Amino acid sequence: MSSRAEINAVLSRLRRLAPSGYFLGLHIRFAAPLMQFQTYPAAWSEHYSANAYALRDPTIAWGFSTTGASRWSSMPIPDPFGIMKEAVRFGLAYGLTVSCGPIKSRTIASFGHDTREFTDDEIATISTLVRRLHEITEPPESLTKAQQEALRCIAEGDRHAAAAAKLGITESAFKARLISARERLMAKTTAEALQRAKQYRLL
C-alpha cells in the first residue's frame, strides 16, 4: 500500500471512531503543521477560526506540554476563555486529544463525540492510528538528484518538454521523475511537492 493510500485508510478509520469529527495537525513546526486534516462541523471550524481559538485552545497547550492521550473532561489545562464549553454547542460534547512525537515535530490530534466519552479501547486504537500517521508522514531527509533537478525545472517555469530537453532525457522520463518526487513527498500535485520540498529545505 502506498503512503497516500495508507493515510487515507487510517483517516477513514478515524472518521468512523469520531462521530463529531476530528482535527489532525501532523509534524507541527514553527507553529504550523506540515499536514493537517479535519472533519469537524463547518460551523465550529468557522467559529474557531473567527475567534482565533488556536492561540488559546487548552487541548493544543496540553499537546505541546506532554505526549499521550487525554479525554477533554480530565484535561489538566485551564480553559479561561471557555472554548471547551463553546464546543458543546457545536456537537462536541465529549472529546479526546492525542499528542506524539518530539517537540520540534509534534503531532496533535483531537477527536469529538456527541453522545458519550471515548472508551479506553477506542482511545488505545485512536492513539495507535495517530502514531502511525505520524510515522508515515515523517518528512524525507533528502531527495534524489533526479527528483531535485525535475522540481527545480518546474520551479524555474519550464514546461515538461523544455525541462526534458534541458536535462537530456525524454519527456516521459521527466514525468516519471516528477511522479517519483510527488510520491516521496506524499504530495497530490507537482505544485504541492514543490512547496513541501521548499518547506523541508530539500531544494
N, C-alpha and C. Protein backbone atom coordinates (compact mmCIF):
# COMPACT_ATOMS: atom_id res chain seq x y z
N MET A 1 0.84 -1.19 0.00
CA MET A 1 0.00 0.00 0.00
C MET A 1 0.89 1.25 0.00
N SER A 2 0.58 2.21 -0.87
CA SER A 2 1.36 3.43 -0.92
C SER A 2 1.08 4.26 0.32
N SER A 3 1.98 5.21 0.61
CA SER A 3 1.79 6.07 1.78
C SER A 3 0.48 6.83 1.69
N ARG A 4 0.17 7.36 0.52
CA ARG A 4 -1.07 8.12 0.34
C ARG A 4 -2.28 7.23 0.61
N ALA A 5 -2.25 6.01 0.09
CA ALA A 5 -3.37 5.08 0.30
C ALA A 5 -3.50 4.72 1.78
N GLU A 6 -2.36 4.53 2.46
CA GLU A 6 -2.41 4.19 3.88
C GLU A 6 -2.93 5.36 4.70
N ILE A 7 -2.51 6.57 4.37
CA ILE A 7 -3.03 7.76 5.06
C ILE A 7 -4.55 7.81 4.94
N ASN A 8 -5.05 7.62 3.73
CA ASN A 8 -6.50 7.66 3.50
C ASN A 8 -7.22 6.56 4.27
N ALA A 9 -6.61 5.37 4.34
CA ALA A 9 -7.22 4.26 5.06
C ALA A 9 -7.29 4.56 6.57
N VAL A 10 -6.21 5.14 7.11
CA VAL A 10 -6.21 5.49 8.54
C VAL A 10 -7.23 6.59 8.82
N LEU A 11 -7.29 7.59 7.96
CA LEU A 11 -8.25 8.68 8.16
C LEU A 11 -9.69 8.17 8.12
N SER A 12 -9.93 7.19 7.26
CA SER A 12 -11.27 6.61 7.15
C SER A 12 -11.64 5.91 8.46
N ARG A 13 -10.69 5.19 9.05
CA ARG A 13 -10.95 4.53 10.34
C ARG A 13 -11.20 5.56 11.44
N LEU A 14 -10.42 6.62 11.45
CA LEU A 14 -10.60 7.65 12.47
C LEU A 14 -11.96 8.35 12.32
N ARG A 15 -12.40 8.50 11.10
CA ARG A 15 -13.69 9.15 10.86
C ARG A 15 -14.82 8.33 11.49
N ARG A 16 -14.69 7.01 11.40
CA ARG A 16 -15.72 6.13 11.99
C ARG A 16 -15.67 6.16 13.51
N LEU A 17 -14.49 6.39 14.07
CA LEU A 17 -14.32 6.38 15.52
C LEU A 17 -14.73 7.70 16.17
N ALA A 18 -14.78 8.77 15.38
CA ALA A 18 -15.08 10.10 15.94
C ALA A 18 -16.31 10.68 15.24
N PRO A 19 -17.50 10.38 15.75
CA PRO A 19 -18.75 10.79 15.08
C PRO A 19 -18.90 12.30 14.90
N SER A 20 -18.28 13.10 15.79
CA SER A 20 -18.39 14.56 15.66
C SER A 20 -17.20 15.18 14.95
N GLY A 21 -16.34 14.33 14.40
CA GLY A 21 -15.22 14.84 13.62
C GLY A 21 -13.90 14.87 14.36
N TYR A 22 -12.87 15.28 13.65
CA TYR A 22 -11.53 15.34 14.22
C TYR A 22 -10.72 16.46 13.58
N PHE A 23 -9.62 16.80 14.24
CA PHE A 23 -8.61 17.68 13.66
C PHE A 23 -7.26 17.04 13.92
N LEU A 24 -6.45 16.91 12.86
CA LEU A 24 -5.12 16.34 12.98
C LEU A 24 -4.10 17.35 12.47
N GLY A 25 -3.17 17.74 13.33
CA GLY A 25 -2.05 18.57 12.90
C GLY A 25 -0.79 17.73 12.99
N LEU A 26 -0.23 17.36 11.84
CA LEU A 26 0.90 16.43 11.79
C LEU A 26 2.22 17.18 11.65
N HIS A 27 3.16 16.84 12.51
CA HIS A 27 4.51 17.41 12.47
C HIS A 27 4.45 18.93 12.53
N ILE A 28 3.98 19.45 13.68
CA ILE A 28 3.88 20.89 13.87
C ILE A 28 5.28 21.45 14.09
N ARG A 29 5.66 22.36 13.19
CA ARG A 29 6.97 23.01 13.26
C ARG A 29 6.78 24.50 13.06
N PHE A 30 7.45 25.30 13.87
CA PHE A 30 7.32 26.76 13.77
C PHE A 30 5.83 27.15 13.82
N ALA A 31 5.07 26.49 14.69
CA ALA A 31 3.66 26.77 14.99
C ALA A 31 2.69 26.35 13.89
N ALA A 32 3.17 25.73 12.83
CA ALA A 32 2.26 25.30 11.75
C ALA A 32 2.50 23.82 11.42
N PRO A 33 1.43 23.04 11.23
CA PRO A 33 1.61 21.63 10.87
C PRO A 33 2.05 21.48 9.42
N LEU A 34 2.87 20.47 9.14
CA LEU A 34 3.27 20.20 7.76
C LEU A 34 2.09 19.65 6.97
N MET A 35 1.22 18.89 7.65
CA MET A 35 0.00 18.38 7.02
C MET A 35 -1.12 18.48 8.05
N GLN A 36 -2.34 18.74 7.58
CA GLN A 36 -3.46 18.74 8.51
C GLN A 36 -4.71 18.21 7.82
N PHE A 37 -5.55 17.59 8.63
CA PHE A 37 -6.81 17.02 8.15
C PHE A 37 -7.86 17.33 9.20
N GLN A 38 -9.08 17.66 8.77
CA GLN A 38 -10.12 17.90 9.77
C GLN A 38 -11.50 17.64 9.18
N THR A 39 -12.36 17.11 10.05
CA THR A 39 -13.73 16.79 9.64
C THR A 39 -14.75 17.35 10.64
N TYR A 40 -14.34 18.30 11.47
CA TYR A 40 -15.28 18.93 12.40
C TYR A 40 -16.41 19.60 11.63
N PRO A 41 -17.55 19.84 12.28
CA PRO A 41 -18.63 20.58 11.62
C PRO A 41 -18.12 21.94 11.11
N ALA A 42 -18.54 22.31 9.91
CA ALA A 42 -18.07 23.56 9.29
C ALA A 42 -18.34 24.77 10.19
N ALA A 43 -19.50 24.77 10.86
CA ALA A 43 -19.86 25.91 11.71
C ALA A 43 -18.86 26.07 12.86
N TRP A 44 -18.42 24.95 13.43
CA TRP A 44 -17.43 25.01 14.52
C TRP A 44 -16.09 25.48 13.99
N SER A 45 -15.67 24.96 12.85
CA SER A 45 -14.38 25.36 12.26
C SER A 45 -14.35 26.85 11.99
N GLU A 46 -15.46 27.37 11.46
CA GLU A 46 -15.54 28.81 11.16
C GLU A 46 -15.52 29.63 12.46
N HIS A 47 -16.27 29.20 13.45
CA HIS A 47 -16.33 29.89 14.75
C HIS A 47 -14.95 29.87 15.41
N TYR A 48 -14.28 28.74 15.35
CA TYR A 48 -12.96 28.54 15.95
C TYR A 48 -11.94 29.49 15.30
N SER A 49 -11.96 29.54 13.97
CA SER A 49 -11.02 30.40 13.24
C SER A 49 -11.32 31.87 13.48
N ALA A 50 -12.61 32.23 13.43
CA ALA A 50 -13.00 33.64 13.58
C ALA A 50 -12.58 34.19 14.94
N ASN A 51 -12.54 33.33 15.95
CA ASN A 51 -12.17 33.76 17.30
C ASN A 51 -10.72 33.47 17.67
N ALA A 52 -9.94 33.02 16.68
CA ALA A 52 -8.51 32.72 16.89
C ALA A 52 -8.30 31.81 18.10
N TYR A 53 -9.13 30.78 18.21
CA TYR A 53 -9.05 29.88 19.37
C TYR A 53 -7.76 29.07 19.41
N ALA A 54 -7.12 28.85 18.26
CA ALA A 54 -5.90 28.03 18.26
C ALA A 54 -4.85 28.58 19.20
N LEU A 55 -4.84 29.90 19.39
CA LEU A 55 -3.84 30.53 20.26
C LEU A 55 -4.14 30.30 21.73
N ARG A 56 -5.40 29.89 22.05
CA ARG A 56 -5.81 29.78 23.45
C ARG A 56 -6.42 28.42 23.77
N ASP A 57 -6.38 27.51 22.83
CA ASP A 57 -7.03 26.21 22.96
C ASP A 57 -6.30 25.34 23.99
N PRO A 58 -6.97 24.93 25.07
CA PRO A 58 -6.29 24.11 26.08
C PRO A 58 -5.84 22.75 25.55
N THR A 59 -6.51 22.22 24.54
CA THR A 59 -6.09 20.91 24.00
C THR A 59 -4.74 21.04 23.29
N ILE A 60 -4.52 22.17 22.61
CA ILE A 60 -3.24 22.39 21.93
C ILE A 60 -2.14 22.65 22.96
N ALA A 61 -2.47 23.45 23.99
CA ALA A 61 -1.50 23.71 25.06
C ALA A 61 -1.09 22.40 25.73
N TRP A 62 -2.08 21.54 25.99
CA TRP A 62 -1.78 20.24 26.59
C TRP A 62 -0.90 19.40 25.66
N GLY A 63 -1.24 19.41 24.36
CA GLY A 63 -0.49 18.61 23.39
C GLY A 63 0.98 19.00 23.28
N PHE A 64 1.25 20.28 23.48
CA PHE A 64 2.65 20.72 23.45
C PHE A 64 3.36 20.46 24.77
N SER A 65 2.59 20.30 25.85
CA SER A 65 3.20 20.12 27.17
C SER A 65 3.56 18.68 27.47
N THR A 66 2.94 17.74 26.75
CA THR A 66 3.18 16.33 27.06
C THR A 66 2.81 15.47 25.85
N THR A 67 3.08 14.18 25.94
CA THR A 67 2.62 13.24 24.92
C THR A 67 1.73 12.21 25.58
N GLY A 68 0.87 11.57 24.79
CA GLY A 68 -0.06 10.60 25.33
C GLY A 68 -1.47 10.91 24.86
N ALA A 69 -2.46 10.56 25.68
CA ALA A 69 -3.86 10.77 25.33
C ALA A 69 -4.63 11.24 26.55
N SER A 70 -5.57 12.15 26.34
CA SER A 70 -6.38 12.65 27.45
C SER A 70 -7.79 12.96 26.97
N ARG A 71 -8.78 12.47 27.74
CA ARG A 71 -10.15 12.91 27.48
C ARG A 71 -10.24 14.39 27.83
N TRP A 72 -11.06 15.13 27.10
CA TRP A 72 -11.20 16.55 27.39
C TRP A 72 -11.71 16.79 28.82
N SER A 73 -12.56 15.89 29.30
CA SER A 73 -13.16 16.07 30.62
C SER A 73 -12.14 15.97 31.75
N SER A 74 -10.99 15.35 31.48
CA SER A 74 -9.97 15.20 32.54
C SER A 74 -8.68 15.94 32.20
N MET A 75 -8.75 16.84 31.22
CA MET A 75 -7.55 17.58 30.82
C MET A 75 -7.15 18.58 31.91
N PRO A 76 -5.87 18.55 32.34
CA PRO A 76 -5.45 19.38 33.48
C PRO A 76 -5.04 20.80 33.10
N ILE A 77 -5.47 21.27 31.94
CA ILE A 77 -5.10 22.61 31.47
C ILE A 77 -6.28 23.55 31.67
N PRO A 78 -6.10 24.73 32.25
CA PRO A 78 -7.22 25.66 32.43
C PRO A 78 -7.76 26.15 31.09
N ASP A 79 -9.02 26.53 31.10
CA ASP A 79 -9.70 26.99 29.89
C ASP A 79 -10.40 28.33 30.19
N PRO A 80 -9.62 29.39 30.43
CA PRO A 80 -10.21 30.66 30.87
C PRO A 80 -11.15 31.29 29.84
N PHE A 81 -11.00 30.92 28.57
CA PHE A 81 -11.85 31.52 27.53
C PHE A 81 -13.10 30.67 27.23
N GLY A 82 -13.24 29.55 27.96
CA GLY A 82 -14.44 28.73 27.80
C GLY A 82 -14.58 28.08 26.45
N ILE A 83 -13.47 27.74 25.82
CA ILE A 83 -13.51 27.15 24.48
C ILE A 83 -14.19 25.78 24.49
N MET A 84 -13.91 24.99 25.52
CA MET A 84 -14.50 23.65 25.57
C MET A 84 -16.02 23.72 25.76
N LYS A 85 -16.48 24.70 26.54
CA LYS A 85 -17.94 24.87 26.70
C LYS A 85 -18.57 25.31 25.39
N GLU A 86 -17.88 26.17 24.67
CA GLU A 86 -18.38 26.61 23.37
C GLU A 86 -18.49 25.42 22.40
N ALA A 87 -17.52 24.51 22.46
CA ALA A 87 -17.51 23.37 21.54
C ALA A 87 -18.77 22.52 21.69
N VAL A 88 -19.30 22.45 22.93
CA VAL A 88 -20.50 21.65 23.18
C VAL A 88 -21.67 22.13 22.32
N ARG A 89 -21.77 23.44 22.12
CA ARG A 89 -22.86 24.00 21.31
C ARG A 89 -22.81 23.53 19.86
N PHE A 90 -21.63 23.06 19.43
CA PHE A 90 -21.46 22.63 18.04
C PHE A 90 -21.36 21.10 17.92
N GLY A 91 -21.86 20.39 18.93
CA GLY A 91 -21.90 18.93 18.85
C GLY A 91 -20.65 18.24 19.36
N LEU A 92 -19.75 19.00 20.01
CA LEU A 92 -18.52 18.41 20.52
C LEU A 92 -18.59 18.36 22.05
N ALA A 93 -19.54 17.55 22.54
CA ALA A 93 -19.76 17.47 23.98
C ALA A 93 -18.67 16.68 24.70
N TYR A 94 -18.11 15.70 24.02
CA TYR A 94 -17.06 14.86 24.59
C TYR A 94 -15.90 14.83 23.60
N GLY A 95 -14.71 14.63 24.12
CA GLY A 95 -13.58 14.62 23.20
C GLY A 95 -12.34 13.97 23.77
N LEU A 96 -11.37 13.84 22.89
CA LEU A 96 -10.11 13.18 23.18
C LEU A 96 -9.01 13.91 22.42
N THR A 97 -7.88 14.13 23.06
CA THR A 97 -6.71 14.69 22.37
C THR A 97 -5.54 13.72 22.53
N VAL A 98 -4.83 13.52 21.43
CA VAL A 98 -3.66 12.63 21.40
C VAL A 98 -2.47 13.46 20.92
N SER A 99 -1.33 13.29 21.57
CA SER A 99 -0.12 14.01 21.23
C SER A 99 1.05 13.03 21.14
N CYS A 100 1.87 13.17 20.09
CA CYS A 100 3.03 12.27 19.97
C CYS A 100 4.13 12.97 19.17
N GLY A 101 5.32 12.42 19.28
CA GLY A 101 6.46 12.95 18.53
C GLY A 101 7.27 13.94 19.34
N PRO A 102 8.49 14.25 18.88
CA PRO A 102 9.35 15.21 19.59
C PRO A 102 8.78 16.62 19.50
N ILE A 103 9.16 17.47 20.43
CA ILE A 103 8.60 18.81 20.50
C ILE A 103 8.89 19.60 19.21
N LYS A 104 10.00 19.32 18.54
CA LYS A 104 10.34 20.06 17.32
C LYS A 104 9.51 19.60 16.12
N SER A 105 8.78 18.49 16.28
CA SER A 105 7.93 17.99 15.19
C SER A 105 6.75 17.23 15.80
N ARG A 106 5.97 17.95 16.61
CA ARG A 106 4.90 17.35 17.38
C ARG A 106 3.64 17.16 16.54
N THR A 107 2.97 16.03 16.73
CA THR A 107 1.65 15.79 16.14
C THR A 107 0.61 15.88 17.24
N ILE A 108 -0.42 16.71 17.03
CA ILE A 108 -1.51 16.87 17.99
C ILE A 108 -2.82 16.63 17.26
N ALA A 109 -3.64 15.74 17.81
CA ALA A 109 -4.91 15.39 17.16
C ALA A 109 -6.03 15.37 18.18
N SER A 110 -7.18 15.91 17.82
CA SER A 110 -8.34 15.90 18.70
C SER A 110 -9.54 15.28 18.00
N PHE A 111 -10.37 14.60 18.78
CA PHE A 111 -11.50 13.84 18.25
C PHE A 111 -12.75 14.13 19.06
N GLY A 112 -13.87 14.30 18.38
CA GLY A 112 -15.10 14.67 19.06
C GLY A 112 -16.16 13.58 19.05
N HIS A 113 -16.96 13.56 20.12
CA HIS A 113 -18.10 12.64 20.20
C HIS A 113 -19.28 13.43 20.75
N ASP A 114 -20.48 13.20 20.22
CA ASP A 114 -21.63 14.00 20.62
C ASP A 114 -22.44 13.38 21.76
N THR A 115 -22.28 12.07 22.02
CA THR A 115 -23.17 11.42 22.98
C THR A 115 -22.49 10.80 24.20
N ARG A 116 -21.17 10.54 24.12
CA ARG A 116 -20.53 9.84 25.25
C ARG A 116 -19.03 10.04 25.22
N GLU A 117 -18.39 9.66 26.34
CA GLU A 117 -16.94 9.66 26.41
C GLU A 117 -16.36 8.55 25.51
N PHE A 118 -15.17 8.74 25.03
CA PHE A 118 -14.46 7.68 24.31
C PHE A 118 -14.07 6.60 25.32
N THR A 119 -14.22 5.33 24.92
CA THR A 119 -13.86 4.22 25.80
C THR A 119 -12.33 4.05 25.81
N ASP A 120 -11.84 3.29 26.80
CA ASP A 120 -10.41 3.02 26.88
C ASP A 120 -9.93 2.31 25.62
N ASP A 121 -10.72 1.36 25.11
CA ASP A 121 -10.32 0.64 23.90
C ASP A 121 -10.26 1.58 22.69
N GLU A 122 -11.23 2.48 22.59
CA GLU A 122 -11.23 3.45 21.48
C GLU A 122 -10.02 4.38 21.58
N ILE A 123 -9.69 4.79 22.80
CA ILE A 123 -8.54 5.66 22.99
C ILE A 123 -7.26 4.95 22.58
N ALA A 124 -7.14 3.67 22.93
CA ALA A 124 -5.96 2.89 22.55
C ALA A 124 -5.86 2.77 21.03
N THR A 125 -6.99 2.49 20.38
CA THR A 125 -7.00 2.35 18.92
C THR A 125 -6.66 3.66 18.24
N ILE A 126 -7.31 4.74 18.68
CA ILE A 126 -7.07 6.06 18.08
C ILE A 126 -5.61 6.47 18.28
N SER A 127 -5.06 6.23 19.47
CA SER A 127 -3.67 6.58 19.74
C SER A 127 -2.72 5.85 18.80
N THR A 128 -2.98 4.56 18.58
CA THR A 128 -2.15 3.77 17.67
C THR A 128 -2.24 4.32 16.25
N LEU A 129 -3.44 4.69 15.82
CA LEU A 129 -3.63 5.22 14.46
C LEU A 129 -2.94 6.57 14.29
N VAL A 130 -3.01 7.41 15.32
CA VAL A 130 -2.35 8.72 15.24
C VAL A 130 -0.83 8.54 15.16
N ARG A 131 -0.29 7.63 15.98
CA ARG A 131 1.15 7.39 15.92
C ARG A 131 1.57 6.86 14.56
N ARG A 132 0.71 6.03 13.97
CA ARG A 132 1.03 5.51 12.63
C ARG A 132 1.03 6.64 11.60
N LEU A 133 0.04 7.53 11.68
CA LEU A 133 0.02 8.68 10.77
C LEU A 133 1.28 9.53 10.94
N HIS A 134 1.69 9.72 12.19
CA HIS A 134 2.90 10.50 12.47
C HIS A 134 4.11 9.86 11.78
N GLU A 135 4.19 8.52 11.87
CA GLU A 135 5.32 7.81 11.28
C GLU A 135 5.34 7.91 9.76
N ILE A 136 4.19 7.68 9.13
CA ILE A 136 4.19 7.60 7.66
C ILE A 136 4.20 8.98 6.99
N THR A 137 4.01 10.04 7.78
CA THR A 137 4.10 11.38 7.20
C THR A 137 5.39 12.08 7.60
N GLU A 138 6.32 11.33 8.18
CA GLU A 138 7.63 11.90 8.53
C GLU A 138 8.27 12.44 7.26
N PRO A 139 8.66 13.71 7.24
CA PRO A 139 9.24 14.28 6.02
C PRO A 139 10.54 13.57 5.66
N PRO A 140 10.79 13.35 4.36
CA PRO A 140 12.05 12.72 3.95
C PRO A 140 13.23 13.64 4.26
N GLU A 141 14.37 13.04 4.50
CA GLU A 141 15.56 13.84 4.81
C GLU A 141 16.27 14.30 3.55
N SER A 142 15.94 13.68 2.43
CA SER A 142 16.60 14.07 1.19
C SER A 142 15.77 13.62 -0.01
N LEU A 143 16.06 14.22 -1.16
CA LEU A 143 15.52 13.78 -2.45
C LEU A 143 16.69 13.31 -3.30
N THR A 144 16.40 12.47 -4.29
CA THR A 144 17.46 12.07 -5.21
C THR A 144 17.83 13.26 -6.09
N LYS A 145 19.00 13.21 -6.69
CA LYS A 145 19.44 14.28 -7.59
C LYS A 145 18.44 14.46 -8.73
N ALA A 146 17.93 13.33 -9.25
CA ALA A 146 16.97 13.39 -10.36
C ALA A 146 15.68 14.09 -9.92
N GLN A 147 15.21 13.76 -8.73
CA GLN A 147 13.99 14.40 -8.22
C GLN A 147 14.20 15.90 -8.01
N GLN A 148 15.35 16.27 -7.47
CA GLN A 148 15.66 17.69 -7.25
C GLN A 148 15.71 18.44 -8.57
N GLU A 149 16.38 17.86 -9.57
CA GLU A 149 16.50 18.51 -10.87
C GLU A 149 15.14 18.74 -11.50
N ALA A 150 14.28 17.74 -11.41
CA ALA A 150 12.96 17.85 -12.02
C ALA A 150 12.14 18.95 -11.34
N LEU A 151 12.17 18.98 -10.02
CA LEU A 151 11.42 20.02 -9.30
C LEU A 151 11.99 21.41 -9.55
N ARG A 152 13.31 21.51 -9.67
CA ARG A 152 13.92 22.82 -9.94
C ARG A 152 13.49 23.35 -11.30
N CYS A 153 13.38 22.46 -12.27
CA CYS A 153 12.94 22.88 -13.60
C CYS A 153 11.52 23.46 -13.53
N ILE A 154 10.65 22.79 -12.78
CA ILE A 154 9.28 23.28 -12.61
C ILE A 154 9.30 24.63 -11.89
N ALA A 155 10.14 24.74 -10.85
CA ALA A 155 10.25 26.00 -10.10
C ALA A 155 10.70 27.15 -10.98
N GLU A 156 11.51 26.84 -11.99
CA GLU A 156 12.02 27.86 -12.91
C GLU A 156 11.05 28.16 -14.04
N GLY A 157 9.90 27.45 -14.04
CA GLY A 157 8.86 27.74 -15.03
C GLY A 157 8.96 26.95 -16.32
N ASP A 158 9.83 25.95 -16.36
CA ASP A 158 9.98 25.15 -17.58
C ASP A 158 8.77 24.25 -17.80
N ARG A 159 8.32 24.15 -19.02
CA ARG A 159 7.31 23.15 -19.37
C ARG A 159 8.00 21.80 -19.48
N HIS A 160 7.21 20.73 -19.48
CA HIS A 160 7.79 19.38 -19.46
C HIS A 160 8.76 19.14 -20.60
N ALA A 161 8.37 19.50 -21.82
CA ALA A 161 9.23 19.24 -22.98
C ALA A 161 10.55 20.01 -22.86
N ALA A 162 10.47 21.28 -22.44
CA ALA A 162 11.68 22.09 -22.31
C ALA A 162 12.56 21.56 -21.18
N ALA A 163 11.94 21.15 -20.09
CA ALA A 163 12.70 20.61 -18.96
C ALA A 163 13.42 19.32 -19.36
N ALA A 164 12.70 18.46 -20.09
CA ALA A 164 13.31 17.20 -20.53
C ALA A 164 14.51 17.47 -21.43
N ALA A 165 14.37 18.44 -22.34
CA ALA A 165 15.47 18.78 -23.24
C ALA A 165 16.66 19.33 -22.44
N LYS A 166 16.36 20.16 -21.46
CA LYS A 166 17.43 20.75 -20.63
C LYS A 166 18.21 19.66 -19.91
N LEU A 167 17.49 18.62 -19.45
CA LEU A 167 18.13 17.54 -18.69
C LEU A 167 18.66 16.42 -19.57
N GLY A 168 18.35 16.49 -20.88
CA GLY A 168 18.83 15.46 -21.80
C GLY A 168 18.14 14.12 -21.64
N ILE A 169 16.86 14.16 -21.28
CA ILE A 169 16.08 12.94 -21.12
C ILE A 169 14.78 13.07 -21.91
N THR A 170 14.04 11.98 -22.03
CA THR A 170 12.76 12.04 -22.73
C THR A 170 11.71 12.71 -21.85
N GLU A 171 10.64 13.17 -22.46
CA GLU A 171 9.58 13.81 -21.69
C GLU A 171 8.93 12.82 -20.73
N SER A 172 8.79 11.56 -21.17
CA SER A 172 8.18 10.55 -20.29
C SER A 172 9.09 10.27 -19.09
N ALA A 173 10.40 10.31 -19.31
CA ALA A 173 11.34 10.10 -18.20
C ALA A 173 11.26 11.27 -17.23
N PHE A 174 11.07 12.48 -17.75
CA PHE A 174 10.93 13.65 -16.88
C PHE A 174 9.67 13.54 -16.04
N LYS A 175 8.57 13.13 -16.68
CA LYS A 175 7.31 12.97 -15.94
C LYS A 175 7.46 11.91 -14.86
N ALA A 176 8.21 10.85 -15.16
CA ALA A 176 8.43 9.78 -14.17
C ALA A 176 9.19 10.33 -12.95
N ARG A 177 10.13 11.25 -13.20
CA ARG A 177 10.86 11.86 -12.08
C ARG A 177 9.93 12.71 -11.21
N LEU A 178 9.01 13.42 -11.86
CA LEU A 178 8.06 14.23 -11.10
C LEU A 178 7.14 13.35 -10.26
N ILE A 179 6.68 12.24 -10.84
CA ILE A 179 5.83 11.31 -10.10
C ILE A 179 6.58 10.76 -8.90
N SER A 180 7.85 10.42 -9.12
CA SER A 180 8.69 9.90 -8.03
C SER A 180 8.84 10.94 -6.92
N ALA A 181 9.03 12.20 -7.31
CA ALA A 181 9.17 13.28 -6.32
C ALA A 181 7.87 13.47 -5.54
N ARG A 182 6.74 13.41 -6.24
CA ARG A 182 5.44 13.57 -5.56
C ARG A 182 5.22 12.45 -4.55
N GLU A 183 5.55 11.22 -4.94
CA GLU A 183 5.38 10.08 -4.04
C GLU A 183 6.29 10.21 -2.82
N ARG A 184 7.52 10.64 -3.06
CA ARG A 184 8.48 10.79 -1.95
C ARG A 184 8.01 11.84 -0.95
N LEU A 185 7.36 12.87 -1.47
CA LEU A 185 6.90 13.98 -0.62
C LEU A 185 5.44 13.85 -0.21
N MET A 186 4.81 12.73 -0.61
CA MET A 186 3.40 12.46 -0.30
C MET A 186 2.51 13.62 -0.74
N ALA A 187 2.76 14.12 -1.94
CA ALA A 187 2.01 15.25 -2.47
C ALA A 187 1.08 14.79 -3.59
N LYS A 188 -0.10 15.41 -3.66
CA LYS A 188 -1.06 15.05 -4.70
C LYS A 188 -0.68 15.67 -6.04
N THR A 189 -0.09 16.85 -6.00
CA THR A 189 0.25 17.57 -7.23
C THR A 189 1.72 17.96 -7.23
N THR A 190 2.23 18.31 -8.41
CA THR A 190 3.62 18.75 -8.50
C THR A 190 3.81 20.06 -7.75
N ALA A 191 2.81 20.94 -7.81
CA ALA A 191 2.90 22.22 -7.09
C ALA A 191 3.02 21.98 -5.58
N GLU A 192 2.24 21.01 -5.08
CA GLU A 192 2.31 20.68 -3.65
C GLU A 192 3.67 20.07 -3.32
N ALA A 193 4.20 19.22 -4.21
CA ALA A 193 5.51 18.61 -3.99
C ALA A 193 6.60 19.69 -3.94
N LEU A 194 6.50 20.66 -4.82
CA LEU A 194 7.48 21.74 -4.84
C LEU A 194 7.41 22.57 -3.56
N GLN A 195 6.20 22.84 -3.11
CA GLN A 195 6.01 23.60 -1.87
C GLN A 195 6.61 22.85 -0.68
N ARG A 196 6.35 21.55 -0.62
CA ARG A 196 6.87 20.75 0.51
C ARG A 196 8.38 20.64 0.45
N ALA A 197 8.93 20.47 -0.75
CA ALA A 197 10.39 20.37 -0.88
C ALA A 197 11.05 21.65 -0.36
N LYS A 198 10.43 22.79 -0.62
CA LYS A 198 10.96 24.06 -0.10
C LYS A 198 10.80 24.14 1.41
N GLN A 199 9.61 23.73 1.91
CA GLN A 199 9.35 23.75 3.36
C GLN A 199 10.39 22.89 4.10
N TYR A 200 10.68 21.72 3.52
CA TYR A 200 11.60 20.78 4.17
C TYR A 200 13.07 21.11 3.89
N ARG A 201 13.29 22.19 3.12
CA ARG A 201 14.65 22.61 2.74
C ARG A 201 15.40 21.50 2.00
N LEU A 202 14.72 20.91 1.03
CA LEU A 202 15.32 19.82 0.26
C LEU A 202 15.76 20.27 -1.13
N LEU A 203 15.52 21.53 -1.45
CA LEU A 203 15.95 22.07 -2.75
C LEU A 203 17.01 23.15 -2.54
